[in-house]
Protein backbone atom coordinates (compact mmCIF):
# COMPACT_ATOMS: atom_id res chain seq x y z
CA MET A 1 -5.27 -16.44 -9.14
CA LEU A 2 -3.80 -15.44 -5.81
CA ALA A 3 -0.13 -15.67 -4.89
CA GLY A 4 0.25 -16.47 -1.20
CA ASN A 5 3.68 -14.87 -0.87
CA ALA A 6 4.58 -11.57 -2.54
CA LEU A 7 8.28 -12.44 -2.45
CA ALA A 8 7.59 -15.49 -4.62
CA LEU A 9 6.26 -13.34 -7.47
CA PRO A 10 9.49 -13.44 -9.52
CA GLN A 11 9.19 -17.25 -9.78
CA TRP A 12 5.40 -17.39 -9.95
CA VAL A 13 3.81 -18.84 -13.07
CA GLY A 14 1.50 -16.27 -14.63
CA THR A 15 3.34 -13.10 -13.60
CA GLU A 16 2.28 -11.48 -16.87
CA LYS A 17 -1.28 -11.46 -15.49
CA VAL A 18 -0.47 -9.80 -12.15
CA ARG A 19 -2.17 -6.40 -12.00
CA LEU A 20 -2.28 -5.82 -8.22
CA VAL A 21 0.27 -6.29 -5.45
CA ASN A 22 -1.18 -6.13 -1.94
CA THR A 23 1.52 -6.47 0.71
CA VAL A 24 3.49 -4.76 3.48
CA PRO A 25 6.01 -2.03 2.63
CA SER A 26 9.03 -4.14 3.67
CA ALA A 27 8.05 -6.94 1.25
CA MET A 28 7.50 -4.40 -1.53
CA ALA A 29 10.92 -2.89 -0.87
CA GLU A 30 12.45 -6.36 -1.17
CA LEU A 31 10.57 -7.05 -4.42
CA LEU A 32 11.97 -3.80 -5.82
CA ARG A 33 15.47 -4.70 -4.62
CA MET A 34 15.17 -8.12 -6.32
CA LYS A 35 13.79 -6.46 -9.47
CA GLY A 36 10.88 -8.82 -8.97
CA VAL A 37 7.88 -6.57 -9.60
CA PRO A 38 6.07 -8.00 -12.64
CA ALA A 39 5.86 -5.57 -15.56
CA SER A 40 2.09 -6.14 -15.65
CA VAL A 41 1.48 -4.57 -12.19
CA ARG A 42 -0.74 -1.48 -12.32
CA VAL A 43 -1.77 -0.99 -8.66
CA VAL A 44 0.15 -1.46 -5.42
CA ASN A 45 -1.69 -1.59 -2.07
CA LEU A 46 0.49 -1.27 1.03
CA ALA A 47 -0.56 -1.77 4.65
CA GLY A 48 0.57 -3.14 7.98
CA GLU A 49 3.69 -1.00 8.42
CA ALA A 50 4.61 2.67 8.20
CA LEU A 51 5.03 3.72 4.58
CA HIS A 52 7.81 6.13 3.65
CA ARG A 53 7.70 8.51 0.71
CA SER A 54 11.02 7.15 -0.62
CA LEU A 55 9.42 3.74 -1.18
CA VAL A 56 6.44 5.33 -2.94
CA LYS A 57 8.90 7.07 -5.27
CA GLN A 58 10.69 3.78 -6.01
CA ILE A 59 7.38 2.07 -6.77
CA TYR A 60 6.37 4.79 -9.21
CA GLU A 61 9.70 4.31 -10.98
CA GLN A 62 8.18 1.05 -12.22
CA LYS A 63 6.82 2.30 -15.54
CA THR A 64 3.55 0.35 -15.45
CA VAL A 65 2.45 1.26 -11.91
CA ALA A 66 -0.39 3.78 -12.13
CA LYS A 67 -1.57 3.89 -8.48
CA VAL A 68 -0.08 3.34 -5.04
CA PHE A 69 -2.43 3.15 -2.05
CA ASN A 70 -1.60 3.40 1.64
CA LEU A 71 -4.20 1.38 3.55
CA TYR A 72 -4.64 1.55 7.30
CA GLY A 73 -6.53 -0.58 9.76
CA PRO A 74 -5.83 -1.00 13.48
CA SER A 75 -5.36 -4.45 14.96
CA GLU A 76 -8.92 -4.39 16.28
CA ASP A 77 -10.22 -4.14 12.72
CA THR A 78 -10.25 -7.13 10.40
CA THR A 79 -9.72 -5.07 7.29
CA TYR A 80 -8.73 -1.58 6.22
CA SER A 81 -10.36 1.45 7.82
CA THR A 82 -8.77 4.28 5.86
CA TYR A 83 -7.01 4.69 2.55
CA VAL A 84 -5.21 7.25 0.43
CA CYS A 85 -4.06 7.11 -3.19
CA LEU A 86 -0.58 8.59 -3.24
CA LYS A 87 0.46 10.78 -6.15
CA LYS A 88 3.80 10.52 -7.91
CA ALA A 89 4.88 14.09 -7.32
CA GLU A 90 3.81 14.42 -3.67
CA THR A 91 6.41 15.06 -1.01
CA GLY A 92 6.36 14.90 2.77
CA SER A 93 5.08 12.26 5.11
CA VAL A 94 2.52 9.69 4.05
CA GLY A 95 -0.85 10.01 5.78
CA ILE A 96 -3.44 7.33 6.44
CA GLY A 97 -6.07 9.02 4.30
CA ARG A 98 -9.82 9.07 4.67
CA PRO A 99 -12.33 6.53 5.98
CA VAL A 100 -13.53 3.86 3.58
CA ALA A 101 -17.06 4.25 2.19
CA ASN A 102 -19.96 4.33 4.66
CA THR A 103 -17.70 4.67 7.71
CA LYS A 104 -16.34 7.43 9.93
CA ALA A 105 -12.98 7.80 11.61
CA TYR A 106 -12.28 9.97 14.62
CA VAL A 107 -9.06 11.28 16.11
CA VAL A 108 -9.47 11.42 19.88
CA ASP A 109 -7.36 12.55 22.82
CA GLU A 110 -6.52 10.58 25.97
CA GLU A 111 -10.03 11.13 27.34
CA CYS A 112 -11.64 9.98 24.08
CA ASN A 113 -12.70 13.52 23.17
CA ARG A 114 -12.75 14.19 19.47
CA ARG A 115 -9.98 16.41 18.16
CA ARG A 116 -10.79 19.11 15.62
């Protein structure tokens, strides 16, 4: 089953079966504030907004969450282009990770020259 609105999870029938939350960081922060993250959640995918390490820490404070992913895809892409699985103990800024399988990502300058 698919819940259309992450913020409706606390009232959603079947929350004991929710294993994955895929949403934007601001919605996840609100779910945490509401204490609305189902205890069955194991994986959290976040995309669409900048992700801060403090939110990752709060998510991992949910005892059942085993993995938190930061997913990135520019507006021109219809899905995610890069991903990174964030570790509990990591500090510092959150990167966008590596390209998804069978793809490449390039960082270029203003003249579209690849950066090294």
